[in-house]
Amino acid sequence: MANAKNRDGEKVVIYSYYNTLSEAYEAKNLLERNGIDCFISNENMASVYPMFDSNLGGVRLHLFEKDVTEADRILSDFSASGE
């Protein structure tokens, strides 16, 4: 399921894929601290299969389509700061 809608009709998209849970949660926590609702999927596969990577679907970060531009800005600013 690449895209879905919530009960209010807002489109949920897979925003990005990560090789590890820690990378995915770092992005998720940063976005949530900045007011972007998001969630992670495939986290159990990464726990059960440590070599599970993005070529097999990876750990997925989902958010509302309306938040994609703001998420791009937040994560880009974070990367540029070198943290």
Protein backbone atom coordinates (compact mmCIF):
# COMPACT_ATOMS: atom_id res chain seq x y z
CA MET A 1 0.00 0.00 0.00
CA ALA A 2 1.85 3.04 -1.22
CA ASN A 3 -0.96 5.51 -0.59
CA ALA A 4 -4.07 5.52 1.57
CA LYS A 5 -6.56 8.02 2.92
CA ASN A 6 -7.62 8.60 6.49
CA ARG A 7 -11.26 9.03 7.45
CA ASP A 8 -11.06 12.77 6.73
CA GLY A 9 -9.95 12.03 3.17
CA GLU A 10 -6.37 13.17 3.69
CA LYS A 11 -3.90 11.16 1.64
CA VAL A 12 -1.19 9.26 3.54
CA VAL A 13 1.99 8.56 1.55
CA ILE A 14 5.20 6.65 2.08
CA TYR A 15 7.59 9.54 2.53
CA SER A 16 10.87 7.64 2.76
CA TYR A 17 12.59 4.30 3.34
CA TYR A 18 15.34 3.58 5.87
CA ASN A 19 17.78 0.73 6.35
CA THR A 20 17.61 0.82 10.15
CA LEU A 21 15.04 1.52 12.82
CA SER A 22 17.29 4.13 14.42
CA GLU A 23 17.45 6.18 11.19
CA ALA A 24 13.69 5.96 10.76
CA TYR A 25 12.96 6.94 14.36
CA GLU A 26 15.41 9.83 14.19
CA ALA A 27 13.48 11.28 11.24
CA LYS A 28 10.10 10.47 12.81
CA ASN A 29 10.98 12.12 16.12
CA LEU A 30 12.35 15.22 14.39
CA LEU A 31 9.21 15.58 12.29
CA GLU A 32 6.89 15.05 15.25
CA ARG A 33 8.77 17.65 17.32
CA ASN A 34 8.04 20.06 14.49
CA GLY A 35 4.32 19.28 14.35
CA ILE A 36 4.25 16.73 11.51
CA ASP A 37 2.12 13.66 12.22
CA CYS A 38 3.80 10.51 10.92
CA PHE A 39 4.24 6.81 11.60
CA ILE A 40 6.61 3.96 10.80
CA SER A 41 5.84 0.61 9.20
CA ASN A 42 7.91 -2.54 8.61
CA GLU A 43 9.68 -2.04 11.94
CA ASN A 44 9.04 -5.65 12.98
CA MET A 45 10.72 -6.95 9.83
CA ALA A 46 13.82 -4.92 10.62
CA SER A 47 13.87 -6.35 14.15
CA VAL A 48 13.36 -9.95 13.07
CA TYR A 49 15.70 -9.73 10.08
CA PRO A 50 18.65 -7.47 10.99
CA MET A 51 19.92 -7.54 7.41
CA PHE A 52 16.51 -6.28 6.16
CA ASP A 53 17.21 -3.27 3.96
CA SER A 54 15.50 -0.72 1.75
CA ASN A 55 15.97 -2.94 -1.31
CA LEU A 56 13.39 -5.24 0.28
CA GLY A 57 11.07 -2.44 1.27
CA GLY A 58 12.99 -1.12 4.24
CA VAL A 59 11.55 0.61 7.26
CA ARG A 60 8.95 3.04 5.94
CA LEU A 61 8.07 6.50 7.20
CA HIS A 62 4.53 7.62 6.34
CA LEU A 63 2.97 11.05 6.59
CA PHE A 64 0.16 13.13 5.12
CA GLU A 65 0.76 14.25 1.56
CA LYS A 66 0.03 17.86 2.57
CA ASP A 67 3.08 17.74 4.90
CA VAL A 68 5.66 16.52 2.37
CA THR A 69 7.09 19.95 1.52
CA GLU A 70 7.42 20.93 5.18
CA ALA A 71 9.00 17.54 6.02
CA ASP A 72 11.52 18.05 3.21
CA ARG A 73 12.45 21.45 4.66
CA ILE A 74 12.75 20.18 8.24
CA LEU A 75 14.93 17.19 7.33
CA SER A 76 17.03 19.25 4.92
CA ASP A 77 17.66 21.90 7.58
CA PHE A 78 18.61 19.17 10.04
CA SER A 79 21.06 17.58 7.59
CA ALA A 80 22.59 20.94 6.73
CA SER A 81 23.19 21.69 10.41
CA GLY A 82 25.40 18.60 10.63
CA GLU A 83 23.64 17.15 13.67
